[in-house]
């Protein structure tokens, strides 16, 4: 990762690197829009896994995140070959049920932000099939990670 990219992602956590695959592109010869959503999903999961280091994420029988809303601001098109760097942070805890995550996707080739994805995550009880308060341990870990915010 270059210094320029490190500076762009300086306030972001759970940094990951993903190579763009040929199959990520569409007939317009650039990365298909849906791939940005998938890349940001990978970044959000990396952030959440970092919070819970002791065991892998498994929300099928517990309270865990569910995506409620996703907004993607596209800045530059990506294409194969390239590598993207992703960083994620929580930018708000608006209520007891949700948190807002922001992901930057940065092109190695251009050393620029390719897009910014903002996701509203809701804590969800997968047994009861309804929203649930965000677990206290998780709120504490987010606050520790995002010290400058809270």
N, C-alpha and C. Protein backbone atom coordinates (compact mmCIF):
# COMPACT_ATOMS: atom_id res chain seq x y z
N UNK A 1 0.85 -1.17 0.00
CA UNK A 1 0.00 0.00 0.00
C UNK A 1 0.90 1.24 0.00
N UNK A 2 0.63 2.14 -0.91
CA UNK A 2 1.46 3.35 -1.01
C UNK A 2 1.13 4.33 0.11
N UNK A 3 2.02 5.28 0.31
CA UNK A 3 1.78 6.32 1.32
C UNK A 3 0.53 7.13 1.00
N UNK A 4 0.30 7.40 -0.28
CA UNK A 4 -0.89 8.16 -0.68
C UNK A 4 -2.17 7.43 -0.28
N UNK A 5 -2.20 6.13 -0.48
CA UNK A 5 -3.38 5.34 -0.11
C UNK A 5 -3.50 5.25 1.41
N UNK A 6 -2.38 5.08 2.09
CA UNK A 6 -2.41 5.06 3.57
C UNK A 6 -3.00 6.35 4.11
N UNK A 7 -2.64 7.48 3.51
CA UNK A 7 -3.18 8.78 3.95
C UNK A 7 -4.68 8.88 3.71
N UNK A 8 -5.15 8.34 2.61
CA UNK A 8 -6.60 8.35 2.33
C UNK A 8 -7.35 7.53 3.37
N UNK A 9 -6.78 6.40 3.76
CA UNK A 9 -7.46 5.46 4.66
C UNK A 9 -7.05 5.60 6.12
N UNK A 10 -6.40 6.69 6.47
CA UNK A 10 -5.82 6.84 7.80
C UNK A 10 -6.83 6.71 8.94
N UNK A 11 -8.07 7.14 8.74
CA UNK A 11 -9.08 7.07 9.80
C UNK A 11 -9.98 5.84 9.70
N UNK A 12 -9.62 4.91 8.84
CA UNK A 12 -10.46 3.73 8.62
C UNK A 12 -9.80 2.49 9.22
N UNK A 13 -10.62 1.48 9.49
CA UNK A 13 -10.16 0.29 10.19
C UNK A 13 -10.39 -0.95 9.34
N UNK A 14 -9.83 -2.06 9.81
CA UNK A 14 -9.99 -3.37 9.17
C UNK A 14 -9.67 -3.27 7.68
N UNK A 15 -8.51 -2.73 7.37
CA UNK A 15 -8.12 -2.54 5.98
C UNK A 15 -7.92 -3.88 5.29
N UNK A 16 -8.50 -4.00 4.11
CA UNK A 16 -8.32 -5.21 3.33
C UNK A 16 -7.95 -4.85 1.89
N UNK A 17 -7.35 -5.80 1.22
CA UNK A 17 -6.92 -5.64 -0.17
C UNK A 17 -7.61 -6.70 -1.01
N UNK A 18 -8.22 -6.28 -2.12
CA UNK A 18 -8.89 -7.23 -3.01
C UNK A 18 -8.46 -6.97 -4.45
N UNK A 19 -8.04 -8.00 -5.15
CA UNK A 19 -7.75 -7.81 -6.58
C UNK A 19 -9.07 -7.76 -7.35
N UNK A 20 -9.14 -6.89 -8.34
CA UNK A 20 -10.31 -6.88 -9.22
C UNK A 20 -10.18 -8.08 -10.15
N UNK A 21 -11.25 -8.83 -10.25
CA UNK A 21 -11.28 -10.00 -11.12
C UNK A 21 -11.87 -9.62 -12.48
N UNK A 22 -11.48 -10.34 -13.52
CA UNK A 22 -12.02 -10.10 -14.86
C UNK A 22 -13.55 -10.18 -14.83
N UNK A 23 -14.07 -11.14 -14.08
CA UNK A 23 -15.52 -11.34 -14.01
C UNK A 23 -16.26 -10.26 -13.24
N UNK A 24 -15.54 -9.34 -12.58
CA UNK A 24 -16.19 -8.22 -11.88
C UNK A 24 -16.68 -7.16 -12.87
N UNK A 25 -16.17 -7.23 -14.11
CA UNK A 25 -16.49 -6.18 -15.09
C UNK A 25 -17.77 -6.52 -15.84
N UNK A 26 -18.35 -5.48 -16.44
CA UNK A 26 -19.55 -5.67 -17.25
C UNK A 26 -19.25 -5.36 -18.71
N UNK A 27 -20.26 -5.33 -19.55
CA UNK A 27 -20.06 -5.13 -20.98
C UNK A 27 -19.54 -3.74 -21.34
N UNK A 28 -19.61 -2.80 -20.40
CA UNK A 28 -19.06 -1.46 -20.62
C UNK A 28 -17.56 -1.40 -20.29
N UNK A 29 -16.98 -2.56 -19.96
CA UNK A 29 -15.55 -2.70 -19.68
C UNK A 29 -15.10 -1.96 -18.42
N UNK A 30 -15.99 -1.89 -17.44
CA UNK A 30 -15.60 -1.40 -16.12
C UNK A 30 -16.31 -2.25 -15.07
N UNK A 31 -15.86 -2.12 -13.83
CA UNK A 31 -16.43 -2.93 -12.76
C UNK A 31 -17.93 -2.63 -12.64
N UNK A 32 -18.72 -3.69 -12.63
CA UNK A 32 -20.16 -3.56 -12.51
C UNK A 32 -20.54 -2.94 -11.18
N UNK A 33 -21.57 -2.11 -11.18
CA UNK A 33 -21.98 -1.39 -9.97
C UNK A 33 -22.25 -2.31 -8.78
N UNK A 34 -22.80 -3.49 -9.03
CA UNK A 34 -23.11 -4.39 -7.92
C UNK A 34 -21.85 -4.84 -7.19
N UNK A 35 -20.71 -4.86 -7.89
CA UNK A 35 -19.47 -5.30 -7.25
C UNK A 35 -19.03 -4.34 -6.14
N UNK A 36 -19.30 -3.06 -6.29
CA UNK A 36 -18.96 -2.09 -5.25
C UNK A 36 -19.72 -2.44 -3.96
N UNK A 37 -20.97 -2.86 -4.12
CA UNK A 37 -21.76 -3.27 -2.96
C UNK A 37 -21.15 -4.52 -2.32
N UNK A 38 -20.68 -5.44 -3.14
CA UNK A 38 -20.05 -6.67 -2.61
C UNK A 38 -18.72 -6.36 -1.95
N UNK A 39 -17.92 -5.48 -2.56
CA UNK A 39 -16.64 -5.09 -1.95
C UNK A 39 -16.90 -4.46 -0.58
N UNK A 40 -17.89 -3.55 -0.52
CA UNK A 40 -18.15 -2.88 0.76
C UNK A 40 -18.68 -3.86 1.80
N UNK A 41 -19.42 -4.88 1.35
CA UNK A 41 -19.87 -5.92 2.27
C UNK A 41 -18.68 -6.65 2.88
N UNK A 42 -17.69 -6.98 2.05
CA UNK A 42 -16.48 -7.65 2.55
C UNK A 42 -15.77 -6.78 3.59
N UNK A 43 -15.75 -5.49 3.34
CA UNK A 43 -15.09 -4.57 4.28
C UNK A 43 -15.86 -4.48 5.60
N UNK A 44 -17.19 -4.44 5.52
CA UNK A 44 -17.99 -4.39 6.75
C UNK A 44 -17.79 -5.65 7.58
N UNK A 45 -17.76 -6.81 6.92
CA UNK A 45 -17.55 -8.07 7.64
C UNK A 45 -16.17 -8.09 8.27
N UNK A 46 -15.15 -7.60 7.57
CA UNK A 46 -13.80 -7.54 8.14
C UNK A 46 -13.79 -6.68 9.40
N UNK A 47 -14.51 -5.57 9.38
CA UNK A 47 -14.60 -4.70 10.56
C UNK A 47 -15.26 -5.45 11.72
N UNK A 48 -16.39 -6.10 11.44
CA UNK A 48 -17.11 -6.81 12.49
C UNK A 48 -16.30 -7.97 13.03
N UNK A 49 -15.58 -8.67 12.16
CA UNK A 49 -14.72 -9.76 12.64
C UNK A 49 -13.61 -9.23 13.53
N UNK A 50 -13.14 -8.05 13.24
CA UNK A 50 -12.10 -7.44 14.08
C UNK A 50 -12.66 -7.15 15.48
N UNK A 51 -13.93 -6.79 15.56
CA UNK A 51 -14.54 -6.52 16.87
C UNK A 51 -14.63 -7.78 17.70
N UNK A 52 -14.94 -8.89 17.04
CA UNK A 52 -15.15 -10.15 17.75
C UNK A 52 -14.06 -11.14 17.35
N UNK A 53 -12.87 -10.94 17.89
CA UNK A 53 -11.70 -11.74 17.51
C UNK A 53 -11.75 -13.17 18.04
N UNK A 54 -12.46 -13.40 19.13
CA UNK A 54 -12.41 -14.69 19.80
C UNK A 54 -13.07 -15.81 19.02
N UNK A 55 -14.10 -15.49 18.21
CA UNK A 55 -14.80 -16.54 17.48
C UNK A 55 -15.28 -15.98 16.15
N UNK A 56 -15.43 -16.86 15.16
CA UNK A 56 -15.90 -16.39 13.86
C UNK A 56 -17.35 -15.91 13.94
N UNK A 57 -17.71 -15.01 13.05
CA UNK A 57 -19.08 -14.51 13.02
C UNK A 57 -20.04 -15.61 12.61
N UNK A 58 -21.09 -15.78 13.42
CA UNK A 58 -22.14 -16.74 13.10
C UNK A 58 -23.43 -16.19 13.69
N UNK A 59 -24.25 -15.60 12.84
CA UNK A 59 -25.45 -14.94 13.33
C UNK A 59 -26.72 -15.73 13.09
N UNK A 60 -26.59 -16.98 12.68
CA UNK A 60 -27.80 -17.75 12.37
C UNK A 60 -28.65 -18.02 13.61
N UNK A 61 -28.05 -18.03 14.79
CA UNK A 61 -28.81 -18.31 16.01
C UNK A 61 -28.58 -17.26 17.08
N UNK A 62 -28.32 -16.03 16.67
CA UNK A 62 -27.95 -15.01 17.64
C UNK A 62 -28.36 -13.65 17.11
N UNK A 63 -28.02 -12.61 17.87
CA UNK A 63 -28.22 -11.24 17.42
C UNK A 63 -27.01 -10.83 16.61
N UNK A 64 -27.25 -10.33 15.42
CA UNK A 64 -26.17 -9.90 14.56
C UNK A 64 -26.64 -8.82 13.60
N UNK A 65 -25.75 -8.39 12.73
CA UNK A 65 -26.10 -7.29 11.84
C UNK A 65 -26.93 -7.74 10.64
N UNK A 66 -27.77 -6.84 10.20
CA UNK A 66 -28.48 -7.02 8.94
C UNK A 66 -28.47 -5.67 8.24
N UNK A 67 -28.27 -5.69 6.95
CA UNK A 67 -28.20 -4.46 6.17
C UNK A 67 -29.59 -3.90 5.98
N UNK A 68 -29.78 -2.63 6.40
CA UNK A 68 -31.08 -1.97 6.25
C UNK A 68 -31.07 -0.99 5.09
N UNK A 69 -29.90 -0.40 4.82
CA UNK A 69 -29.83 0.63 3.78
C UNK A 69 -28.39 0.73 3.30
N UNK A 70 -28.22 0.94 2.01
CA UNK A 70 -26.89 1.10 1.44
C UNK A 70 -26.92 2.21 0.42
N UNK A 71 -26.00 3.18 0.57
CA UNK A 71 -25.86 4.28 -0.37
C UNK A 71 -24.44 4.24 -0.90
N UNK A 72 -24.28 4.26 -2.21
CA UNK A 72 -22.95 4.23 -2.81
C UNK A 72 -22.75 5.46 -3.67
N UNK A 73 -21.71 6.21 -3.37
CA UNK A 73 -21.33 7.38 -4.15
C UNK A 73 -20.13 6.97 -5.01
N UNK A 74 -20.35 6.87 -6.31
CA UNK A 74 -19.30 6.46 -7.24
C UNK A 74 -18.47 7.69 -7.62
N UNK A 75 -17.15 7.55 -7.54
CA UNK A 75 -16.24 8.66 -7.85
C UNK A 75 -15.48 8.45 -9.16
N UNK A 76 -14.88 7.27 -9.33
CA UNK A 76 -14.18 6.94 -10.58
C UNK A 76 -14.48 5.49 -10.93
N UNK A 77 -14.51 5.17 -12.22
CA UNK A 77 -14.73 3.77 -12.60
C UNK A 77 -13.48 2.94 -12.37
N UNK A 78 -13.70 1.70 -12.03
CA UNK A 78 -12.61 0.74 -11.86
C UNK A 78 -12.64 -0.24 -13.02
N UNK A 79 -11.49 -0.84 -13.31
CA UNK A 79 -11.44 -1.86 -14.34
C UNK A 79 -10.30 -2.83 -14.04
N UNK A 80 -10.36 -3.97 -14.68
CA UNK A 80 -9.32 -4.98 -14.57
C UNK A 80 -8.17 -4.59 -15.49
N UNK A 81 -6.93 -4.74 -15.08
CA UNK A 81 -6.44 -5.19 -13.77
C UNK A 81 -6.28 -4.00 -12.83
N UNK A 82 -6.56 -4.23 -11.59
CA UNK A 82 -6.34 -3.25 -10.53
C UNK A 82 -6.51 -4.00 -9.21
N UNK A 83 -6.15 -3.34 -8.16
CA UNK A 83 -6.34 -3.83 -6.80
C UNK A 83 -7.06 -2.71 -6.07
N UNK A 84 -8.01 -3.08 -5.21
CA UNK A 84 -8.67 -2.07 -4.39
C UNK A 84 -8.32 -2.30 -2.93
N UNK A 85 -8.18 -1.21 -2.23
CA UNK A 85 -8.00 -1.22 -0.78
C UNK A 85 -9.28 -0.69 -0.17
N UNK A 86 -9.75 -1.39 0.87
CA UNK A 86 -11.00 -1.02 1.52
C UNK A 86 -10.75 -0.76 2.99
N UNK A 87 -11.36 0.28 3.48
CA UNK A 87 -11.31 0.60 4.90
C UNK A 87 -12.70 0.97 5.36
N UNK A 88 -13.02 0.61 6.59
CA UNK A 88 -14.36 0.83 7.12
C UNK A 88 -14.28 1.47 8.50
N UNK A 89 -15.26 2.27 8.80
CA UNK A 89 -15.40 2.82 10.15
C UNK A 89 -16.88 3.00 10.46
N UNK A 90 -17.18 3.06 11.74
CA UNK A 90 -18.54 3.38 12.17
C UNK A 90 -18.57 4.88 12.38
N UNK A 91 -19.51 5.55 11.72
CA UNK A 91 -19.57 7.00 11.81
C UNK A 91 -20.69 7.50 12.72
N UNK A 92 -21.59 6.61 13.13
CA UNK A 92 -22.67 7.02 14.04
C UNK A 92 -23.33 5.81 14.68
N UNK A 93 -23.80 6.04 15.90
CA UNK A 93 -24.65 5.09 16.62
C UNK A 93 -25.95 5.85 16.90
N UNK A 94 -26.85 5.94 15.92
CA UNK A 94 -28.01 6.82 16.05
C UNK A 94 -29.05 6.40 17.08
N UNK A 95 -29.12 5.10 17.38
CA UNK A 95 -30.09 4.62 18.36
C UNK A 95 -29.61 3.28 18.90
N UNK A 96 -30.42 2.68 19.74
CA UNK A 96 -29.98 1.43 20.38
C UNK A 96 -29.98 0.23 19.43
N UNK A 97 -30.57 0.37 18.25
CA UNK A 97 -30.71 -0.76 17.33
C UNK A 97 -29.74 -0.71 16.14
N UNK A 98 -29.19 0.45 15.83
CA UNK A 98 -28.47 0.56 14.56
C UNK A 98 -27.15 1.30 14.69
N UNK A 99 -26.36 1.17 13.65
CA UNK A 99 -25.09 1.88 13.53
C UNK A 99 -24.83 2.12 12.05
N UNK A 100 -24.15 3.20 11.77
CA UNK A 100 -23.86 3.60 10.39
C UNK A 100 -22.39 3.32 10.12
N UNK A 101 -22.14 2.55 9.06
CA UNK A 101 -20.78 2.19 8.67
C UNK A 101 -20.45 2.86 7.34
N UNK A 102 -19.23 3.37 7.26
CA UNK A 102 -18.76 3.99 6.02
C UNK A 102 -17.55 3.22 5.52
N UNK A 103 -17.55 2.92 4.23
CA UNK A 103 -16.44 2.21 3.61
C UNK A 103 -15.90 3.02 2.44
N UNK A 104 -14.59 3.15 2.39
CA UNK A 104 -13.94 3.73 1.22
C UNK A 104 -13.33 2.60 0.41
N UNK A 105 -13.50 2.70 -0.89
CA UNK A 105 -12.86 1.77 -1.83
C UNK A 105 -11.88 2.60 -2.64
N UNK A 106 -10.60 2.25 -2.54
CA UNK A 106 -9.53 3.05 -3.13
C UNK A 106 -8.80 2.21 -4.19
N UNK A 107 -8.61 2.80 -5.36
CA UNK A 107 -7.89 2.15 -6.45
C UNK A 107 -6.38 2.25 -6.25
N UNK A 108 -5.71 1.11 -6.35
CA UNK A 108 -4.25 1.12 -6.30
C UNK A 108 -3.68 1.81 -7.54
N UNK A 109 -4.26 1.51 -8.70
CA UNK A 109 -3.77 2.05 -9.97
C UNK A 109 -3.80 3.59 -9.98
N UNK A 110 -4.90 4.15 -9.50
CA UNK A 110 -5.08 5.61 -9.56
C UNK A 110 -4.76 6.33 -8.25
N UNK A 111 -4.61 5.55 -7.17
CA UNK A 111 -4.39 6.12 -5.83
C UNK A 111 -5.45 7.17 -5.50
N UNK A 112 -6.70 6.82 -5.83
CA UNK A 112 -7.85 7.70 -5.59
C UNK A 112 -9.00 6.89 -5.04
N UNK A 113 -9.93 7.60 -4.40
CA UNK A 113 -11.15 6.97 -3.93
C UNK A 113 -12.02 6.65 -5.14
N UNK A 114 -12.39 5.38 -5.26
CA UNK A 114 -13.28 4.97 -6.34
C UNK A 114 -14.74 5.12 -5.93
N UNK A 115 -15.01 4.88 -4.65
CA UNK A 115 -16.37 5.10 -4.16
C UNK A 115 -16.39 5.15 -2.64
N UNK A 116 -17.48 5.71 -2.14
CA UNK A 116 -17.74 5.72 -0.70
C UNK A 116 -19.11 5.09 -0.50
N UNK A 117 -19.15 4.05 0.31
CA UNK A 117 -20.40 3.35 0.60
C UNK A 117 -20.78 3.60 2.06
N UNK A 118 -22.02 3.99 2.27
CA UNK A 118 -22.53 4.23 3.61
C UNK A 118 -23.67 3.25 3.86
N UNK A 119 -23.54 2.48 4.91
CA UNK A 119 -24.52 1.43 5.21
C UNK A 119 -25.13 1.65 6.60
N UNK A 120 -26.45 1.54 6.66
CA UNK A 120 -27.13 1.54 7.96
C UNK A 120 -27.37 0.09 8.32
N UNK A 121 -26.72 -0.33 9.39
CA UNK A 121 -26.84 -1.70 9.87
C UNK A 121 -27.79 -1.72 11.06
N UNK A 122 -28.61 -2.74 11.12
CA UNK A 122 -29.54 -2.91 12.23
C UNK A 122 -29.19 -4.22 12.92
N UNK A 123 -29.17 -4.20 14.23
CA UNK A 123 -28.98 -5.43 14.98
C UNK A 123 -30.27 -6.22 14.90
N UNK A 124 -30.12 -7.50 14.59
CA UNK A 124 -31.28 -8.33 14.27
C UNK A 124 -31.20 -9.64 15.03
N UNK A 125 -32.31 -10.02 15.66
CA UNK A 125 -32.39 -11.30 16.37
C UNK A 125 -32.87 -12.34 15.36
N UNK A 126 -31.95 -13.20 14.94
CA UNK A 126 -32.25 -14.17 13.91
C UNK A 126 -33.18 -15.28 14.38
N UNK A 127 -33.31 -15.48 15.69
CA UNK A 127 -34.26 -16.45 16.22
C UNK A 127 -35.68 -15.88 16.22
N UNK A 128 -35.81 -14.65 16.69
CA UNK A 128 -37.13 -14.02 16.79
C UNK A 128 -37.57 -13.34 15.50
N UNK A 129 -36.64 -13.20 14.56
CA UNK A 129 -36.93 -12.55 13.27
C UNK A 129 -37.40 -11.11 13.45
N UNK A 130 -36.65 -10.37 14.29
CA UNK A 130 -36.99 -8.96 14.52
C UNK A 130 -35.75 -8.20 14.97
N UNK A 131 -35.81 -6.87 14.84
CA UNK A 131 -34.68 -6.08 15.30
C UNK A 131 -34.50 -6.23 16.79
N UNK A 132 -33.28 -6.01 17.23
CA UNK A 132 -32.94 -6.16 18.65
C UNK A 132 -31.93 -5.08 19.01
N UNK A 133 -31.82 -4.76 20.28
CA UNK A 133 -30.78 -3.80 20.67
C UNK A 133 -29.40 -4.33 20.30
N UNK A 134 -28.55 -3.43 19.86
CA UNK A 134 -27.17 -3.81 19.57
C UNK A 134 -26.53 -4.30 20.86
N UNK A 135 -25.90 -5.47 20.84
CA UNK A 135 -25.31 -5.99 22.07
C UNK A 135 -24.34 -4.98 22.70
N UNK A 136 -24.38 -4.91 24.01
CA UNK A 136 -23.55 -3.94 24.75
C UNK A 136 -22.06 -4.12 24.45
N UNK A 137 -21.60 -5.39 24.39
CA UNK A 137 -20.18 -5.64 24.11
C UNK A 137 -19.79 -5.02 22.77
N UNK A 138 -20.72 -5.07 21.80
CA UNK A 138 -20.43 -4.56 20.47
C UNK A 138 -20.37 -3.03 20.48
N UNK A 139 -21.29 -2.39 21.17
CA UNK A 139 -21.27 -0.93 21.28
C UNK A 139 -19.98 -0.46 21.94
N UNK A 140 -19.56 -1.18 22.97
CA UNK A 140 -18.32 -0.83 23.68
C UNK A 140 -17.13 -0.97 22.73
N UNK A 141 -17.07 -2.08 21.98
CA UNK A 141 -15.95 -2.30 21.05
C UNK A 141 -15.94 -1.23 19.95
N UNK A 142 -17.12 -0.86 19.45
CA UNK A 142 -17.19 0.20 18.44
C UNK A 142 -16.68 1.51 19.03
N UNK A 143 -17.13 1.84 20.22
CA UNK A 143 -16.68 3.08 20.86
C UNK A 143 -15.19 3.08 21.10
N UNK A 144 -14.62 1.94 21.49
CA UNK A 144 -13.17 1.84 21.67
C UNK A 144 -12.44 2.02 20.34
N UNK A 145 -12.96 1.43 19.29
CA UNK A 145 -12.34 1.52 17.97
C UNK A 145 -12.44 2.93 17.40
N UNK A 146 -13.56 3.56 17.61
CA UNK A 146 -13.84 4.89 17.04
C UNK A 146 -13.71 5.99 18.10
N UNK A 147 -12.67 5.96 18.88
CA UNK A 147 -12.49 6.87 20.01
C UNK A 147 -12.77 8.33 19.66
N UNK A 148 -12.35 8.76 18.49
CA UNK A 148 -12.49 10.16 18.12
C UNK A 148 -13.95 10.59 17.95
N UNK A 149 -14.85 9.62 17.79
CA UNK A 149 -16.26 9.95 17.56
C UNK A 149 -17.06 10.15 18.83
N UNK A 150 -16.76 9.31 19.82
CA UNK A 150 -17.66 9.25 20.99
C UNK A 150 -17.02 9.81 22.23
